[in-house]
Structure formats: structure tokens, C-alpha cells
């Protein structure tokens, strides 16, 4: 996998998942990012916090992108207290592809049912 371009796992840390979170409280998106940060990321994957993915009604949300020739995906409806391992599994499969196209049946079930957007590569 060393010859494949790097992958970014972007996590919306502003996500409230439609909860009333106090100003100084931990938002669900922040908690999801913290859970993911406590895991070992697959080779070539960098975890990054982002301010907003504009997917508030389907939060918590993550985006997976990697290189000019890969499709980008946005996934939503994630739970900070149970989905971190599944996200790592999904991004690992994505990172192993040259084009970002993981066969549908090989994707984690949550990714199959909660894909918010699929964005074509820059060099499409």
C-alpha cells in the first residue's frame, strides 16, 4: 500500500447530533474524534478534525478522501460511543484501493446505509 496516495479521515468536531450541548460541553463530534484518535490508523491514513461538514441533520459525520484519482465519501449518523472501530475498518478498506471504490458488499454495513455523498475524483 506504500505506493498509494495518502488518505485523510476528516471528522466534524462541531457536530452536536441535534443535542443540546452546553457551550463548554463536549460535542458528540469531538467525542468521536477523540475515540478515533485513540485508535491506530491504518498505514497511510491521517486523522484530521474539521470545523464543519455541513451535515448537521445527519451527524456525527466523517469524510474520507485521498489523492486526485480517488472518490471522496461523506458518511453520517455515526455514534461517538460505538462506531470508531467500524470507521477505522471502513477507512482501511478505502486506503487499500487506488480509486476509493470499495466493493459495496465489502463496506461496513453502516457505510452502505449512511453514505451522504460520493464525490468524483479531481481527475475524473
N, C-alpha and C. Protein backbone atom coordinates (compact mmCIF):
# COMPACT_ATOMS: atom_id res chain seq x y z
N UNK A 1 0.82 -1.20 0.00
CA UNK A 1 0.00 0.00 0.00
C UNK A 1 0.87 1.27 0.00
N UNK A 2 2.18 1.10 0.10
CA UNK A 2 3.08 2.25 0.19
C UNK A 2 3.03 3.11 -1.07
N UNK A 3 2.69 2.54 -2.23
CA UNK A 3 2.68 3.33 -3.45
C UNK A 3 1.34 4.02 -3.71
N UNK A 4 0.36 3.83 -2.83
CA UNK A 4 -0.93 4.52 -2.96
C UNK A 4 -0.84 5.89 -2.29
N UNK A 5 -1.60 6.87 -2.81
CA UNK A 5 -1.57 8.20 -2.18
C UNK A 5 -2.15 8.16 -0.77
N UNK A 6 -1.73 9.11 0.07
CA UNK A 6 -2.24 9.14 1.44
C UNK A 6 -3.75 9.42 1.48
N UNK A 7 -4.35 9.04 2.58
CA UNK A 7 -5.79 9.19 2.80
C UNK A 7 -6.00 10.08 4.02
N UNK A 8 -7.03 10.93 3.94
CA UNK A 8 -7.42 11.74 5.08
C UNK A 8 -8.79 11.29 5.57
N UNK A 9 -8.88 11.09 6.87
CA UNK A 9 -10.16 10.83 7.54
C UNK A 9 -10.51 12.11 8.27
N UNK A 10 -11.51 12.82 7.75
CA UNK A 10 -11.92 14.11 8.30
C UNK A 10 -13.14 13.90 9.20
N UNK A 11 -13.06 14.41 10.43
CA UNK A 11 -14.14 14.24 11.40
C UNK A 11 -14.67 15.61 11.79
N UNK A 12 -15.96 15.80 11.64
CA UNK A 12 -16.60 17.05 12.04
C UNK A 12 -16.65 17.11 13.57
N UNK A 13 -15.90 18.02 14.16
CA UNK A 13 -15.87 18.12 15.62
C UNK A 13 -16.91 19.09 16.16
N UNK A 14 -17.61 19.79 15.27
CA UNK A 14 -18.67 20.72 15.69
C UNK A 14 -20.03 20.03 15.80
N UNK A 15 -20.12 18.80 15.34
CA UNK A 15 -21.39 18.08 15.33
C UNK A 15 -21.97 17.98 16.73
N UNK A 16 -23.24 18.32 16.83
CA UNK A 16 -23.99 18.19 18.09
C UNK A 16 -24.94 17.00 18.04
N UNK A 17 -25.13 16.44 16.85
CA UNK A 17 -26.10 15.37 16.63
C UNK A 17 -27.47 15.77 17.16
N UNK A 18 -27.82 17.04 16.94
CA UNK A 18 -29.10 17.63 17.34
C UNK A 18 -29.35 17.53 18.84
N UNK A 19 -28.27 17.50 19.63
CA UNK A 19 -28.39 17.51 21.08
C UNK A 19 -28.15 18.92 21.60
N UNK A 20 -28.68 19.21 22.76
CA UNK A 20 -28.44 20.49 23.41
C UNK A 20 -27.17 20.36 24.24
N UNK A 21 -26.04 20.74 23.65
CA UNK A 21 -24.74 20.61 24.31
C UNK A 21 -24.36 21.96 24.90
N UNK A 22 -24.06 22.02 26.21
CA UNK A 22 -23.63 23.29 26.79
C UNK A 22 -22.40 23.84 26.07
N UNK A 23 -22.24 25.15 26.08
CA UNK A 23 -21.13 25.80 25.37
C UNK A 23 -19.77 25.20 25.75
N UNK A 24 -19.59 24.84 27.00
CA UNK A 24 -18.31 24.27 27.44
C UNK A 24 -18.33 22.75 27.46
N UNK A 25 -19.39 22.15 26.95
CA UNK A 25 -19.52 20.69 26.93
C UNK A 25 -18.81 20.06 25.74
N UNK A 26 -18.65 18.76 25.80
CA UNK A 26 -18.04 18.01 24.71
C UNK A 26 -19.11 17.63 23.70
N UNK A 27 -18.93 18.06 22.50
CA UNK A 27 -19.89 17.73 21.44
C UNK A 27 -19.66 16.29 20.98
N UNK A 28 -20.71 15.64 20.49
CA UNK A 28 -20.55 14.27 20.00
C UNK A 28 -19.45 14.14 18.94
N UNK A 29 -19.33 15.12 18.05
CA UNK A 29 -18.27 15.07 17.04
C UNK A 29 -16.88 15.10 17.66
N UNK A 30 -16.71 15.89 18.70
CA UNK A 30 -15.42 15.92 19.40
C UNK A 30 -15.14 14.57 20.05
N UNK A 31 -16.18 13.98 20.63
CA UNK A 31 -16.01 12.68 21.28
C UNK A 31 -15.67 11.60 20.25
N UNK A 32 -16.29 11.65 19.07
CA UNK A 32 -15.97 10.69 18.01
C UNK A 32 -14.52 10.87 17.57
N UNK A 33 -14.10 12.11 17.39
CA UNK A 33 -12.70 12.37 17.00
C UNK A 33 -11.75 11.81 18.06
N UNK A 34 -12.05 12.03 19.34
CA UNK A 34 -11.21 11.53 20.42
C UNK A 34 -11.15 10.00 20.40
N UNK A 35 -12.29 9.35 20.16
CA UNK A 35 -12.30 7.89 20.07
C UNK A 35 -11.43 7.41 18.92
N UNK A 36 -11.54 8.07 17.77
CA UNK A 36 -10.73 7.69 16.62
C UNK A 36 -9.25 7.96 16.88
N UNK A 37 -8.95 9.05 17.56
CA UNK A 37 -7.55 9.39 17.87
C UNK A 37 -6.92 8.37 18.81
N UNK A 38 -7.74 7.66 19.57
CA UNK A 38 -7.21 6.64 20.48
C UNK A 38 -6.94 5.32 19.76
N UNK A 39 -7.34 5.22 18.50
CA UNK A 39 -7.10 4.01 17.70
C UNK A 39 -5.85 4.20 16.85
N UNK A 40 -5.29 3.10 16.41
CA UNK A 40 -4.19 3.15 15.46
C UNK A 40 -4.80 3.25 14.07
N UNK A 41 -4.44 4.28 13.36
CA UNK A 41 -4.95 4.45 11.99
C UNK A 41 -4.19 3.51 11.05
N UNK A 42 -4.87 3.04 10.00
CA UNK A 42 -4.19 2.20 9.01
C UNK A 42 -3.03 2.96 8.36
N UNK A 43 -2.11 2.21 7.81
CA UNK A 43 -0.96 2.81 7.13
C UNK A 43 -1.44 3.77 6.05
N UNK A 44 -0.87 4.97 6.03
CA UNK A 44 -1.19 5.96 5.01
C UNK A 44 -2.40 6.81 5.32
N UNK A 45 -3.05 6.62 6.48
CA UNK A 45 -4.25 7.37 6.84
C UNK A 45 -3.93 8.39 7.92
N UNK A 46 -4.36 9.63 7.69
CA UNK A 46 -4.19 10.70 8.66
C UNK A 46 -5.57 11.14 9.14
N UNK A 47 -5.73 11.21 10.45
CA UNK A 47 -6.97 11.68 11.07
C UNK A 47 -6.89 13.18 11.24
N UNK A 48 -7.93 13.89 10.81
CA UNK A 48 -7.95 15.34 10.94
C UNK A 48 -9.31 15.80 11.45
N UNK A 49 -9.29 16.75 12.38
CA UNK A 49 -10.51 17.39 12.85
C UNK A 49 -10.84 18.54 11.92
N UNK A 50 -12.13 18.68 11.58
CA UNK A 50 -12.59 19.81 10.76
C UNK A 50 -13.73 20.50 11.49
N UNK A 51 -13.89 21.77 11.22
CA UNK A 51 -14.87 22.58 11.92
C UNK A 51 -16.31 22.23 11.57
N UNK A 52 -16.59 21.91 10.32
CA UNK A 52 -17.98 21.61 9.97
C UNK A 52 -18.03 20.95 8.59
N UNK A 53 -18.82 19.90 8.49
CA UNK A 53 -19.05 19.26 7.20
C UNK A 53 -20.44 19.61 6.65
N UNK A 54 -21.13 20.53 7.32
CA UNK A 54 -22.46 20.99 6.87
C UNK A 54 -23.43 19.83 6.68
N UNK A 55 -23.39 18.92 7.60
CA UNK A 55 -24.25 17.75 7.54
C UNK A 55 -24.96 17.57 8.88
N UNK A 56 -25.39 18.67 9.44
CA UNK A 56 -25.89 18.71 10.81
C UNK A 56 -27.07 17.78 11.08
N UNK A 57 -27.95 17.60 10.12
CA UNK A 57 -29.11 16.75 10.37
C UNK A 57 -28.75 15.27 10.30
N UNK A 58 -27.53 14.95 9.86
CA UNK A 58 -27.09 13.55 9.80
C UNK A 58 -25.78 13.35 10.55
N UNK A 59 -25.57 14.11 11.60
CA UNK A 59 -24.32 13.99 12.35
C UNK A 59 -24.38 12.83 13.29
N UNK A 60 -23.27 12.37 13.77
CA UNK A 60 -21.89 12.75 13.51
C UNK A 60 -21.48 12.33 12.10
N UNK A 61 -20.58 13.11 11.52
CA UNK A 61 -20.20 12.86 10.14
C UNK A 61 -18.68 12.82 9.97
N UNK A 62 -18.27 12.01 8.98
CA UNK A 62 -16.87 11.94 8.60
C UNK A 62 -16.79 12.00 7.08
N UNK A 63 -15.64 12.40 6.56
CA UNK A 63 -15.37 12.34 5.13
C UNK A 63 -14.06 11.58 4.95
N UNK A 64 -13.99 10.84 3.87
CA UNK A 64 -12.78 10.06 3.54
C UNK A 64 -12.37 10.48 2.14
N UNK A 65 -11.12 10.95 2.02
CA UNK A 65 -10.61 11.36 0.71
C UNK A 65 -9.15 10.99 0.60
N UNK A 66 -8.69 10.87 -0.65
CA UNK A 66 -7.29 10.51 -0.82
C UNK A 66 -6.82 10.60 -2.25
N UNK A 67 -6.12 11.64 -2.54
CA UNK A 67 -5.50 11.78 -3.85
C UNK A 67 -6.45 12.22 -4.94
N UNK A 68 -5.89 12.67 -6.03
CA UNK A 68 -6.66 13.24 -7.13
C UNK A 68 -7.43 12.19 -7.92
N UNK A 69 -7.09 10.91 -7.76
CA UNK A 69 -7.74 9.85 -8.53
C UNK A 69 -8.74 9.02 -7.74
N UNK A 70 -8.99 9.39 -6.49
CA UNK A 70 -9.92 8.63 -5.66
C UNK A 70 -11.23 9.38 -5.48
N UNK A 71 -12.30 8.62 -5.38
CA UNK A 71 -13.59 9.18 -4.99
C UNK A 71 -13.51 9.59 -3.53
N UNK A 72 -14.29 10.60 -3.15
CA UNK A 72 -14.42 11.05 -1.77
C UNK A 72 -15.80 10.66 -1.28
N UNK A 73 -15.88 10.24 -0.03
CA UNK A 73 -17.17 9.84 0.57
C UNK A 73 -17.42 10.62 1.84
N UNK A 74 -18.69 10.94 2.08
CA UNK A 74 -19.13 11.54 3.34
C UNK A 74 -20.13 10.56 3.95
N UNK A 75 -19.88 10.20 5.20
CA UNK A 75 -20.76 9.27 5.93
C UNK A 75 -21.33 9.97 7.15
N UNK A 76 -22.57 9.68 7.46
CA UNK A 76 -23.22 10.30 8.59
C UNK A 76 -23.88 9.31 9.53
N UNK A 77 -24.61 9.87 10.50
CA UNK A 77 -25.35 9.10 11.50
C UNK A 77 -24.45 8.19 12.32
N UNK A 78 -23.24 8.68 12.61
CA UNK A 78 -22.30 7.90 13.41
C UNK A 78 -22.51 8.21 14.89
N UNK A 79 -22.27 7.21 15.70
CA UNK A 79 -22.37 7.36 17.16
C UNK A 79 -20.96 7.32 17.75
N UNK A 80 -20.67 8.34 18.53
CA UNK A 80 -19.32 8.50 19.08
C UNK A 80 -18.92 7.38 20.03
N UNK A 81 -19.89 6.74 20.65
CA UNK A 81 -19.57 5.73 21.65
C UNK A 81 -19.58 4.30 21.12
N UNK A 82 -19.81 4.12 19.80
CA UNK A 82 -19.84 2.74 19.31
C UNK A 82 -19.27 2.54 17.90
N UNK A 83 -19.04 3.60 17.14
CA UNK A 83 -18.71 3.42 15.72
C UNK A 83 -17.25 3.63 15.34
N UNK A 84 -16.37 3.94 16.28
CA UNK A 84 -14.98 4.24 15.92
C UNK A 84 -14.29 3.06 15.25
N UNK A 85 -14.45 1.86 15.79
CA UNK A 85 -13.79 0.70 15.18
C UNK A 85 -14.29 0.45 13.77
N UNK A 86 -15.59 0.62 13.57
CA UNK A 86 -16.17 0.43 12.24
C UNK A 86 -15.64 1.47 11.25
N UNK A 87 -15.47 2.71 11.70
CA UNK A 87 -14.92 3.76 10.83
C UNK A 87 -13.49 3.40 10.43
N UNK A 88 -12.70 2.92 11.39
CA UNK A 88 -11.32 2.52 11.08
C UNK A 88 -11.32 1.37 10.07
N UNK A 89 -12.21 0.42 10.24
CA UNK A 89 -12.33 -0.69 9.28
C UNK A 89 -12.65 -0.16 7.88
N UNK A 90 -13.62 0.75 7.80
CA UNK A 90 -14.01 1.30 6.50
C UNK A 90 -12.92 2.10 5.83
N UNK A 91 -12.23 2.93 6.60
CA UNK A 91 -11.16 3.74 6.01
C UNK A 91 -9.97 2.87 5.63
N UNK A 92 -9.76 1.77 6.33
CA UNK A 92 -8.70 0.84 5.97
C UNK A 92 -8.96 0.22 4.60
N UNK A 93 -10.20 -0.16 4.35
CA UNK A 93 -10.56 -0.74 3.05
C UNK A 93 -10.44 0.32 1.95
N UNK A 94 -10.85 1.53 2.25
CA UNK A 94 -10.73 2.64 1.30
C UNK A 94 -9.26 2.88 0.95
N UNK A 95 -8.40 2.93 1.96
CA UNK A 95 -6.98 3.22 1.75
C UNK A 95 -6.30 2.15 0.90
N UNK A 96 -6.84 0.94 0.88
CA UNK A 96 -6.25 -0.16 0.12
C UNK A 96 -6.63 -0.11 -1.36
N UNK A 97 -7.46 0.86 -1.76
CA UNK A 97 -7.90 0.95 -3.16
C UNK A 97 -7.18 2.08 -3.88
N UNK A 98 -6.94 1.92 -5.18
CA UNK A 98 -6.32 3.01 -5.94
C UNK A 98 -7.32 4.11 -6.32
N UNK A 99 -8.63 3.78 -6.32
CA UNK A 99 -9.64 4.73 -6.78
C UNK A 99 -10.70 5.08 -5.73
N UNK A 100 -10.59 4.50 -4.54
CA UNK A 100 -11.56 4.77 -3.48
C UNK A 100 -12.84 3.97 -3.59
N UNK A 101 -12.92 3.11 -4.58
CA UNK A 101 -14.14 2.33 -4.79
C UNK A 101 -14.02 0.97 -4.12
N UNK A 102 -14.52 0.90 -2.89
CA UNK A 102 -14.57 -0.37 -2.16
C UNK A 102 -15.84 -1.07 -2.62
N UNK A 103 -15.75 -2.34 -3.04
CA UNK A 103 -16.97 -3.04 -3.44
C UNK A 103 -18.05 -2.93 -2.36
N UNK A 104 -19.27 -2.68 -2.80
CA UNK A 104 -20.38 -2.37 -1.90
C UNK A 104 -20.50 -3.40 -0.78
N UNK A 105 -20.47 -4.66 -1.08
CA UNK A 105 -20.64 -5.71 -0.06
C UNK A 105 -19.47 -5.80 0.91
N UNK A 106 -18.33 -5.22 0.56
CA UNK A 106 -17.16 -5.25 1.44
C UNK A 106 -17.12 -4.06 2.40
N UNK A 107 -17.98 -3.08 2.17
CA UNK A 107 -18.04 -1.91 3.05
C UNK A 107 -18.75 -2.28 4.35
N UNK A 108 -18.36 -1.64 5.46
CA UNK A 108 -19.15 -1.86 6.68
C UNK A 108 -20.61 -1.52 6.40
N UNK A 109 -21.52 -2.26 7.00
CA UNK A 109 -22.94 -2.07 6.75
C UNK A 109 -23.37 -0.62 6.98
N UNK A 110 -22.84 0.00 8.03
CA UNK A 110 -23.21 1.39 8.31
C UNK A 110 -22.82 2.30 7.15
N UNK A 111 -21.66 2.08 6.55
CA UNK A 111 -21.24 2.87 5.41
C UNK A 111 -22.17 2.65 4.22
N UNK A 112 -22.66 1.44 4.04
CA UNK A 112 -23.58 1.16 2.93
C UNK A 112 -24.88 1.93 3.08
N UNK A 113 -25.36 2.05 4.32
CA UNK A 113 -26.67 2.63 4.56
C UNK A 113 -26.64 4.12 4.90
N UNK A 114 -25.46 4.69 5.14
CA UNK A 114 -25.38 6.08 5.60
C UNK A 114 -24.38 6.91 4.81
N UNK A 115 -24.27 6.63 3.52
CA UNK A 115 -23.42 7.44 2.65
C UNK A 115 -24.22 8.70 2.29
N UNK A 116 -23.73 9.84 2.73
CA UNK A 116 -24.39 11.11 2.49
C UNK A 116 -24.04 11.64 1.10
N UNK A 117 -22.77 11.46 0.70
CA UNK A 117 -22.33 11.95 -0.61
C UNK A 117 -21.15 11.13 -1.10
N UNK A 118 -21.08 11.02 -2.41
CA UNK A 118 -19.95 10.39 -3.11
C UNK A 118 -19.52 11.41 -4.15
N UNK A 119 -18.29 11.89 -4.01
CA UNK A 119 -17.80 12.98 -4.84
C UNK A 119 -16.73 12.44 -5.79
N UNK A 120 -16.85 12.73 -7.09
CA UNK A 120 -15.90 12.19 -8.05
C UNK A 120 -14.48 12.72 -7.82
N UNK A 121 -13.49 11.96 -8.28
CA UNK A 121 -12.11 12.42 -8.17
C UNK A 121 -11.88 13.70 -8.95
N UNK A 122 -10.85 14.44 -8.56
CA UNK A 122 -10.49 15.67 -9.29
C UNK A 122 -10.13 15.36 -10.72
N UNK A 123 -9.45 14.26 -10.93
CA UNK A 123 -9.02 13.86 -12.27
C UNK A 123 -9.95 12.79 -12.78
N UNK A 124 -11.22 13.14 -12.96
CA UNK A 124 -12.27 12.21 -13.36
C UNK A 124 -12.33 12.07 -14.86
